[in-house]
Structures are given as structure tokens and as C-alpha cells.
Amino acid sequence: MESRIQRIFLSLITLWLMSAPQAFAAKGEDLELEPLVVREPERHPVDVDQIDTENFEIGVFGGVMNVEDFGTNPVYGIRASYHVTENFFVEGAYGRSELEQTSFERLSGGAPLFSDSERDLSYYSVSLGYDLFPGEAFVGNRYAFKGGAYVLAGAGSTKFGGDNRFTVNLGFGYRLIPTDWLALNVDVRDHVFDSDLLGKDETRHNIQFTGGLTFFF
């Protein structure tokens, strides 16, 4: 009796082992894998500023000019520049000033040495400039503007005292560009020419301090 029960039990185990692989295979056939979904990162639109390519610059300036023996007087004028490359530019300038009496005239109390028209000074110059440190200038903690220091040198002519004098000018300045069409300039220039108005031919250094407003187009 016991051996019969063992044979029946072994027969059931054998039948189960024979049918198990088929059952698992059938389940494997019914199993479907879900496709892998790759989500693209969300992209936000970015506004890129359009950089203008204007190379011409024109504007006005004003300040003071110290002419040797004639004191310090207001000066004003116009400037126009062409930016040849990112660093080099060519500038043309025209300025005017009305000179006061010389120290000799004020101290002597005599008749004026020059007429009013002879005290009118005007000059023009053509200069080559170079931007030394183009970059950004920070105003406070929130604002940054394009700008940089520059140097320039050139030549031209100065008219006053009834004569025209060949003039060399040297200078340096700083340009601040708050927008792509507007620039603010401050600079110092030395206008050097020979003069014999007071009876002795001497080389005169005439320092000019100005601020200006220019427009790009």
C-alpha cells in the first residue's frame, strides 16, 4: 500500500515537471514589454540681442581749453569717427574757443594787443585712435555697459591771432556705450603748435578737457 502511494506521488511530480516549461513558455509569449520613453528636456526660448554693425560715429563736445598766455576758456565743437577695425578708428574734429586777455594785458592796463577777431581760436584735426581696453563698465550692482579707454594722435591746423599754425595733438580718453547707438566720451588732449604772437617763437602746449555725446550710424 505504501509503495503504491509513493508511485502515484512520483507520477504526479513527473507530470507536473513535464508540463511546467510549457506553462512558463506560454506565459512568456503573453508578456509584452512596454516601449522605453525618452523625454526631451523642456527648452525655454532665448532672445539674443542683435549686434549692430554701424562703424560711423558723429557727435558734439564741450569743455575747457587752456591756451598758454591766454588763460582757460570754454571750447566746443563736433567730431566724426570711422571705426576701421574693432580697435582702430580714424577721427576728424573741429573746435572753437574765444580767448581772454593775456596776463600781460591784464597787468599792464594798457591798450589790448589783439582785436576781438584775433582772439577767436578755431582748429581742425585728423587723428588715429586705438581702443586700449574694450570691455564692460559696471554702474552700481545692476547695470553693465560696453566701454573702454582709448589713445589717439594726429595733426591739423589752429587759427588764431590772424595766422594758421600747424598743430599736433595727443590725447587719451574713455568711451561709455550705454546703447548700441549712443556713446558718452570724456578725454584730455594736448594741442601743440609754435607761436610767436608775443615776440618770441615758442612751442606751446594747450591742454583741452572735454566731454562729448556721439551717435553711431
Protein backbone atom coordinates (compact mmCIF):
# COMPACT_ATOMS: atom_id res chain seq x y z
CA MET A 1 0.00 0.00 0.00
CA GLU A 2 2.73 2.44 0.94
CA SER A 3 4.72 1.67 -2.23
CA ARG A 4 1.61 2.31 -4.34
CA ILE A 5 1.13 5.73 -2.80
CA GLN A 6 4.76 6.58 -3.50
CA ARG A 7 4.39 5.54 -7.15
CA ILE A 8 1.30 7.72 -7.53
CA PHE A 9 3.06 10.70 -5.90
CA LEU A 10 6.13 10.31 -8.12
CA SER A 11 3.90 10.05 -11.20
CA LEU A 12 2.17 13.35 -10.31
CA ILE A 13 5.51 15.11 -9.77
CA THR A 14 6.77 13.82 -13.14
CA LEU A 15 3.66 15.04 -14.97
CA TRP A 16 3.97 18.46 -13.29
CA LEU A 17 7.62 18.82 -14.26
CA MET A 18 6.81 17.92 -17.87
CA SER A 19 4.01 20.45 -18.13
CA ALA A 20 5.71 23.35 -16.23
CA PRO A 21 8.10 24.54 -19.02
CA GLN A 22 5.16 24.72 -21.46
CA ALA A 23 3.16 26.78 -18.99
CA PHE A 24 6.01 29.17 -18.40
CA ALA A 25 6.64 29.43 -22.16
CA ALA A 26 3.01 30.29 -22.77
CA LYS A 27 3.14 33.00 -20.12
CA GLY A 28 6.37 34.36 -21.66
CA GLU A 29 4.64 34.61 -25.04
CA ASP A 30 1.81 36.62 -23.48
CA LEU A 31 4.25 39.03 -21.73
CA GLU A 32 4.76 42.29 -23.68
CA LEU A 33 7.48 44.80 -22.82
CA GLU A 34 6.44 48.45 -22.73
CA PRO A 35 8.49 50.68 -25.08
CA LEU A 36 11.13 52.86 -23.43
CA VAL A 37 10.05 56.51 -23.48
CA VAL A 38 12.82 59.13 -23.58
CA ARG A 39 11.55 62.56 -22.65
CA GLU A 40 13.20 65.58 -24.24
CA PRO A 41 14.21 68.36 -21.80
CA GLU A 42 11.91 71.34 -21.81
CA ARG A 43 13.53 74.20 -23.71
CA HIS A 44 12.82 77.84 -22.96
CA PRO A 45 13.01 80.43 -25.75
CA VAL A 46 16.07 82.70 -25.56
CA ASP A 47 16.14 86.22 -27.01
CA VAL A 48 19.55 87.03 -28.47
CA ASP A 49 20.37 90.73 -28.84
CA GLN A 50 21.11 91.81 -32.36
CA ILE A 51 24.56 93.43 -32.50
CA ASP A 52 24.57 96.42 -34.79
CA THR A 53 27.42 96.87 -37.24
CA GLU A 54 27.46 100.66 -37.53
CA ASN A 55 31.02 101.90 -37.97
CA PHE A 56 30.40 105.65 -38.23
CA GLU A 57 30.19 107.89 -35.18
CA ILE A 58 29.35 111.59 -35.08
CA GLY A 59 28.61 114.00 -32.25
CA VAL A 60 29.38 117.15 -30.32
CA PHE A 61 31.73 118.01 -27.45
CA GLY A 62 32.30 120.83 -24.99
CA GLY A 63 34.69 121.69 -22.21
CA VAL A 64 37.63 123.97 -21.47
CA MET A 65 40.90 124.65 -23.22
CA ASN A 66 43.98 126.22 -21.68
CA VAL A 67 45.97 128.22 -24.24
CA GLU A 68 49.37 129.37 -22.96
CA ASP A 69 49.38 133.09 -22.07
CA PHE A 70 45.64 133.35 -22.82
CA GLY A 71 44.17 131.51 -19.84
CA THR A 72 41.49 128.81 -19.70
CA ASN A 73 38.43 129.33 -21.88
CA PRO A 74 35.35 127.37 -22.97
CA VAL A 75 35.73 125.23 -26.09
CA TYR A 76 33.11 123.40 -28.16
CA GLY A 77 32.96 121.56 -31.47
CA ILE A 78 32.00 118.49 -33.47
CA ARG A 79 33.68 115.13 -34.07
CA ALA A 80 33.19 112.33 -36.55
CA SER A 81 34.86 108.92 -36.47
CA TYR A 82 35.10 105.83 -38.63
CA HIS A 83 35.90 102.55 -36.86
CA VAL A 84 38.23 100.74 -39.25
CA THR A 85 38.56 97.62 -37.08
CA GLU A 86 37.44 96.60 -33.62
CA ASN A 87 40.36 98.55 -32.10
CA PHE A 88 41.44 101.20 -34.62
CA PHE A 89 39.44 104.27 -35.61
CA VAL A 90 40.02 107.49 -37.55
CA GLU A 91 38.63 110.74 -36.17
CA GLY A 92 38.12 114.20 -37.60
CA ALA A 93 37.41 117.12 -35.23
CA TYR A 94 36.62 120.81 -35.44
CA GLY A 95 36.64 123.12 -32.39
CA ARG A 96 36.24 126.78 -31.48
CA SER A 97 37.10 128.96 -28.48
CA GLU A 98 37.23 132.66 -27.67
CA LEU A 99 40.40 133.58 -25.82
CA GLU A 100 40.58 136.10 -23.00
CA GLN A 101 43.26 138.74 -22.49
CA THR A 102 46.83 137.73 -21.89
CA SER A 103 48.38 138.09 -18.44
CA PHE A 104 50.50 140.98 -19.79
CA GLU A 105 47.40 142.86 -20.98
CA ARG A 106 45.65 142.42 -17.65
CA LEU A 107 48.65 143.52 -15.58
CA SER A 108 49.75 146.46 -17.75
CA GLY A 109 46.31 148.03 -18.03
CA GLY A 110 47.26 149.36 -21.46
CA ALA A 111 45.59 149.01 -24.83
CA PRO A 112 44.67 145.45 -25.91
CA LEU A 113 47.30 143.74 -28.03
CA PHE A 114 44.73 141.82 -30.09
CA SER A 115 41.36 142.61 -31.58
CA ASP A 116 38.27 140.55 -30.80
CA SER A 117 38.51 138.68 -34.09
CA GLU A 118 42.16 137.79 -33.40
CA ARG A 119 41.13 136.23 -30.10
CA ASP A 120 38.80 133.79 -31.86
CA LEU A 121 40.55 130.41 -31.99
CA SER A 122 39.47 127.57 -34.25
CA TYR A 123 41.15 124.31 -35.15
CA TYR A 124 40.65 121.12 -37.10
CA SER A 125 42.48 117.82 -36.79
CA VAL A 126 42.58 114.31 -38.18
CA SER A 127 43.67 111.62 -35.68
CA LEU A 128 44.23 107.89 -35.49
CA GLY A 129 42.85 106.28 -32.35
CA TYR A 130 43.29 102.90 -30.68
CA ASP A 131 40.96 101.29 -28.14
CA LEU A 132 43.17 100.02 -25.34
CA PHE A 133 40.83 98.00 -23.11
CA PRO A 134 37.47 97.36 -24.76
CA GLY A 135 35.12 95.65 -22.37
CA GLU A 136 32.36 96.46 -19.88
CA ALA A 137 31.91 99.19 -17.30
CA PHE A 138 29.73 98.48 -14.27
CA VAL A 139 27.46 101.18 -12.87
CA GLY A 140 26.27 100.03 -9.45
CA ASN A 141 25.35 96.38 -8.96
CA ARG A 142 22.70 96.09 -11.67
CA TYR A 143 23.97 97.78 -14.81
CA ALA A 144 26.86 96.97 -17.15
CA PHE A 145 27.69 98.91 -20.30
CA LYS A 146 30.21 98.49 -23.08
CA GLY A 147 33.14 100.87 -22.96
CA GLY A 148 36.86 101.28 -22.72
CA ALA A 149 39.85 103.60 -22.71
CA TYR A 150 41.50 104.82 -25.87
CA VAL A 151 44.51 106.86 -27.03
CA LEU A 152 44.88 108.94 -30.17
CA ALA A 153 47.33 111.14 -32.03
CA GLY A 154 47.01 113.30 -35.09
CA ALA A 155 47.72 116.57 -36.84
CA GLY A 156 45.86 119.57 -38.17
CA SER A 157 45.82 123.36 -38.06
CA THR A 158 44.98 126.03 -35.48
CA LYS A 159 43.88 129.51 -36.48
CA PHE A 160 44.11 132.47 -34.12
CA GLY A 161 45.90 135.80 -33.95
CA GLY A 162 45.44 136.21 -37.70
CA ASP A 163 47.59 133.19 -38.59
CA ASN A 164 47.29 129.42 -39.18
CA ARG A 165 49.62 127.16 -37.23
CA PHE A 166 50.43 123.54 -37.92
CA THR A 167 49.26 121.60 -34.84
CA VAL A 168 49.99 118.15 -33.45
CA ASN A 169 47.50 116.69 -30.98
CA LEU A 170 47.95 113.84 -28.49
CA GLY A 171 45.36 112.56 -26.06
CA PHE A 172 43.57 109.81 -24.23
CA GLY A 173 40.00 109.29 -23.11
CA TYR A 174 37.23 106.94 -22.12
CA ARG A 175 34.15 105.93 -24.11
CA LEU A 176 31.00 104.58 -22.44
CA ILE A 177 28.35 103.00 -24.71
CA PRO A 178 25.00 102.70 -22.85
CA THR A 179 23.12 101.62 -26.02
CA ASP A 180 24.10 100.29 -29.44
CA TRP A 181 23.68 103.76 -31.00
CA LEU A 182 24.79 106.21 -28.28
CA ALA A 183 28.20 106.85 -26.67
CA LEU A 184 29.49 109.18 -23.97
CA ASN A 185 33.10 110.38 -24.23
CA VAL A 186 35.48 112.16 -21.86
CA ASP A 187 39.04 112.94 -22.89
CA VAL A 188 42.15 115.04 -22.41
CA ARG A 189 44.15 116.36 -25.38
CA ASP A 190 47.26 118.44 -25.85
CA HIS A 191 47.33 120.70 -28.92
CA VAL A 192 50.97 121.56 -29.65
CA PHE A 193 51.98 124.35 -32.04
CA ASP A 194 54.66 127.04 -32.42
CA SER A 195 53.64 130.64 -31.74
CA ASP A 196 55.44 134.00 -31.90
CA LEU A 197 52.48 136.25 -31.06
CA LEU A 198 54.23 137.69 -28.02
CA GLY A 199 57.51 138.37 -29.80
CA LYS A 200 59.25 135.04 -29.17
CA ASP A 201 58.84 131.88 -31.19
CA GLU A 202 57.99 129.12 -28.72
CA THR A 203 56.35 125.71 -28.74
CA ARG A 204 53.04 125.99 -26.86
CA HIS A 205 51.22 123.14 -25.13
CA ASN A 206 47.49 123.79 -24.92
CA ILE A 207 45.57 121.30 -22.79
CA GLN A 208 41.92 120.59 -23.52
CA PHE A 209 39.41 118.78 -21.23
CA THR A 210 36.11 117.86 -22.87
CA GLY A 211 33.07 115.65 -22.62
CA GLY A 212 31.00 114.62 -25.62
CA LEU A 213 27.93 112.84 -26.92
CA THR A 214 28.18 110.82 -30.13
CA PHE A 215 25.81 108.70 -32.22
CA PHE A 216 26.55 105.56 -34.22
CA PHE A 217 25.02 105.07 -37.65
